[in-house]
Structures are given as structure tokens and as C-alpha cells.
């Protein structure tokens, strides 16, 4: 069930027009802004000062595929969807 919010955040990537605009913005910045909570193992959590988990690995793979840097932004659950909708985060 915790996977659902992550999948919902990826919905903007499915629209062709939104996809093209978002990809252009990501390429211009050279980074993919990924918002997550750092307290939901095994999806994402901190080991010391390092973020790790499934969502972190997935984000790194996606950024590598796009040939950009992954920028992980730790935020509250309430800000995840609103931040993606407003453009504050890419996914």
C-alpha cells in the first residue's frame, strides 16, 4: 500500500505533453528532483546520513537513464503530491 503514493507521483510522467516539458526541464537543470519521506523502510530510510531503500535506488536508476543527477529532497507526506503538482519536485 505504501507503493501507491510513489506510483501516483509518476502519473505526470505518463502524459505526452507533460512528459516532454518535464524532460526538457530536467535536462536543462541536469538533475531530477525526487521528493520522499526518509522514514518508511524498506522504501526509503537513512543509514547514518545516507538515504537508502527501494525508492532511492529506483530514483538513481531513473536519473542515470535520463543522464542527469538525482537530487533527493526529504519532505513531509503532506507535501509530496502538492510539491509534484506545483513543480517543486519532479517525482
C-alpha atoms as a PDB file:
ATOM      1  CA  UNK A   1       0.000   0.000   0.000  1.00  0.00           C
ATOM      2  CA  UNK A   2       2.955   2.344   0.575  1.00  0.00           C
ATOM      3  CA  UNK A   3       3.858   1.933  -3.099  1.00  0.00           C
ATOM      4  CA  UNK A   4       0.653   3.710  -4.193  1.00  0.00           C
ATOM      5  CA  UNK A   5       1.825   7.276  -3.340  1.00  0.00           C
ATOM      6  CA  UNK A   6       5.019   6.677  -5.314  1.00  0.00           C
ATOM      7  CA  UNK A   7       3.045   5.455  -8.301  1.00  0.00           C
ATOM      8  CA  UNK A   8       0.685   8.432  -8.087  1.00  0.00           C
ATOM      9  CA  UNK A   9       3.689  10.768  -8.214  1.00  0.00           C
ATOM     10  CA  UNK A  10       4.693   9.191 -11.514  1.00  0.00           C
ATOM     11  CA  UNK A  11       1.320   9.964 -13.190  1.00  0.00           C
ATOM     12  CA  UNK A  12       2.505  13.333 -14.582  1.00  0.00           C
ATOM     13  CA  UNK A  13       5.193  11.440 -16.487  1.00  0.00           C
ATOM     14  CA  UNK A  14       2.524   9.499 -18.396  1.00  0.00           C
ATOM     15  CA  UNK A  15       1.013  12.428 -20.303  1.00  0.00           C
ATOM     16  CA  UNK A  16       2.955  13.000 -23.556  1.00  0.00           C
ATOM     17  CA  UNK A  17       2.846  16.805 -23.325  1.00  0.00           C
ATOM     18  CA  UNK A  18       3.698  16.883 -19.637  1.00  0.00           C
ATOM     19  CA  UNK A  19       6.369  14.279 -20.304  1.00  0.00           C
ATOM     20  CA  UNK A  20       8.105  16.371 -22.971  1.00  0.00           C
ATOM     21  CA  UNK A  21       8.004  19.550 -20.901  1.00  0.00           C
ATOM     22  CA  UNK A  22       9.178  17.805 -17.725  1.00  0.00           C
ATOM     23  CA  UNK A  23      12.019  16.013 -19.513  1.00  0.00           C
ATOM     24  CA  UNK A  24      13.173  19.313 -21.051  1.00  0.00           C
ATOM     25  CA  UNK A  25      13.154  20.978 -17.620  1.00  0.00           C
ATOM     26  CA  UNK A  26      15.039  18.069 -16.041  1.00  0.00           C
ATOM     27  CA  UNK A  27      17.642  18.067 -18.829  1.00  0.00           C
ATOM     28  CA  UNK A  28      18.103  21.860 -18.605  1.00  0.00           C
ATOM     29  CA  UNK A  29      18.704  21.629 -14.835  1.00  0.00           C
ATOM     30  CA  UNK A  30      20.807  18.483 -15.117  1.00  0.00           C
ATOM     31  CA  UNK A  31      19.048  16.975 -12.127  1.00  0.00           C
ATOM     32  CA  UNK A  32      15.909  15.022 -11.290  1.00  0.00           C
ATOM     33  CA  UNK A  33      14.278  16.358  -8.104  1.00  0.00           C
ATOM     34  CA  UNK A  34      12.869  13.407  -6.177  1.00  0.00           C
ATOM     35  CA  UNK A  35      10.784  14.027  -3.058  1.00  0.00           C
ATOM     36  CA  UNK A  36      10.477  11.352  -0.396  1.00  0.00           C
ATOM     37  CA  UNK A  37       9.989  10.727   3.282  1.00  0.00           C
ATOM     38  CA  UNK A  38      13.098   9.285   4.889  1.00  0.00           C
ATOM     39  CA  UNK A  39      11.308   7.111   7.389  1.00  0.00           C
ATOM     40  CA  UNK A  40       9.435   4.377   5.532  1.00  0.00           C
ATOM     41  CA  UNK A  41      11.632   1.264   5.341  1.00  0.00           C
ATOM     42  CA  UNK A  42      12.187  -0.623   3.076  1.00  0.00           C
ATOM     43  CA  UNK A  43      11.115   2.058   0.589  1.00  0.00           C
ATOM     44  CA  UNK A  44      13.376   4.797   1.936  1.00  0.00           C
ATOM     45  CA  UNK A  45      15.265   5.365   5.157  1.00  0.00           C
ATOM     46  CA  UNK A  46      18.543   6.741   6.441  1.00  0.00           C
ATOM     47  CA  UNK A  47      21.559   4.634   7.317  1.00  0.00           C
ATOM     48  CA  UNK A  48      23.584   7.166   9.233  1.00  0.00           C
ATOM     49  CA  UNK A  49      23.496  10.224   6.993  1.00  0.00           C
ATOM     50  CA  UNK A  50      22.913   8.267   3.775  1.00  0.00           C
ATOM     51  CA  UNK A  51      19.498   7.765   2.170  1.00  0.00           C
ATOM     52  CA  UNK A  52      18.854   4.225   1.010  1.00  0.00           C
ATOM     53  CA  UNK A  53      15.996   1.912   0.106  1.00  0.00           C
ATOM     54  CA  UNK A  54      13.904   0.916  -2.898  1.00  0.00           C
ATOM     55  CA  UNK A  55      12.738   4.432  -3.857  1.00  0.00           C
ATOM     56  CA  UNK A  56      16.278   5.791  -3.612  1.00  0.00           C
ATOM     57  CA  UNK A  57      17.656   3.032  -5.834  1.00  0.00           C
ATOM     58  CA  UNK A  58      14.772   3.486  -8.308  1.00  0.00           C
ATOM     59  CA  UNK A  59      15.363   7.246  -8.406  1.00  0.00           C
ATOM     60  CA  UNK A  60      19.079   6.759  -9.021  1.00  0.00           C
ATOM     61  CA  UNK A  61      18.362   4.332 -11.864  1.00  0.00           C
ATOM     62  CA  UNK A  62      15.830   6.718 -13.428  1.00  0.00           C
ATOM     63  CA  UNK A  63      18.241   9.648 -13.183  1.00  0.00           C
ATOM     64  CA  UNK A  64      21.037   7.554 -14.668  1.00  0.00           C
ATOM     65  CA  UNK A  65      18.742   6.555 -17.549  1.00  0.00           C
ATOM     66  CA  UNK A  66      17.965  10.246 -18.163  1.00  0.00           C
ATOM     67  CA  UNK A  67      21.684  11.068 -17.849  1.00  0.00           C
ATOM     68  CA  UNK A  68      21.123  13.569 -15.028  1.00  0.00           C
ATOM     69  CA  UNK A  69      21.923  13.737 -11.320  1.00  0.00           C
ATOM     70  CA  UNK A  70      19.371  12.501  -8.746  1.00  0.00           C
ATOM     71  CA  UNK A  71      18.541  15.159  -6.138  1.00  0.00           C
ATOM     72  CA  UNK A  72      16.638  13.621  -3.199  1.00  0.00           C
ATOM     73  CA  UNK A  73      14.581  16.027  -1.131  1.00  0.00           C
ATOM     74  CA  UNK A  74      13.281  14.788   2.219  1.00  0.00           C
ATOM     75  CA  UNK A  75       9.844  16.234   2.961  1.00  0.00           C
ATOM     76  CA  UNK A  76       6.589  15.574   4.808  1.00  0.00           C
ATOM     77  CA  UNK A  77       3.991  13.178   3.430  1.00  0.00           C
ATOM     78  CA  UNK A  78       1.540  16.073   3.091  1.00  0.00           C
ATOM     79  CA  UNK A  79       3.861  17.957   0.748  1.00  0.00           C
ATOM     80  CA  UNK A  80       4.680  15.098  -1.644  1.00  0.00           C
ATOM     81  CA  UNK A  81       1.760  15.322  -4.075  1.00  0.00           C
ATOM     82  CA  UNK A  82       1.323  19.082  -3.753  1.00  0.00           C
ATOM     83  CA  UNK A  83       5.017  19.594  -4.453  1.00  0.00           C
ATOM     84  CA  UNK A  84       4.882  17.446  -7.593  1.00  0.00           C
ATOM     85  CA  UNK A  85       1.731  19.201  -8.818  1.00  0.00           C
ATOM     86  CA  UNK A  86       3.286  22.639  -8.261  1.00  0.00           C
ATOM     87  CA  UNK A  87       6.575  21.702  -9.936  1.00  0.00           C
ATOM     88  CA  UNK A  88       8.608  21.927  -6.749  1.00  0.00           C
ATOM     89  CA  UNK A  89       9.616  18.270  -7.267  1.00  0.00           C
ATOM     90  CA  UNK A  90       9.732  16.231 -10.466  1.00  0.00           C
ATOM     91  CA  UNK A  91       8.666  12.926  -8.903  1.00  0.00           C
END
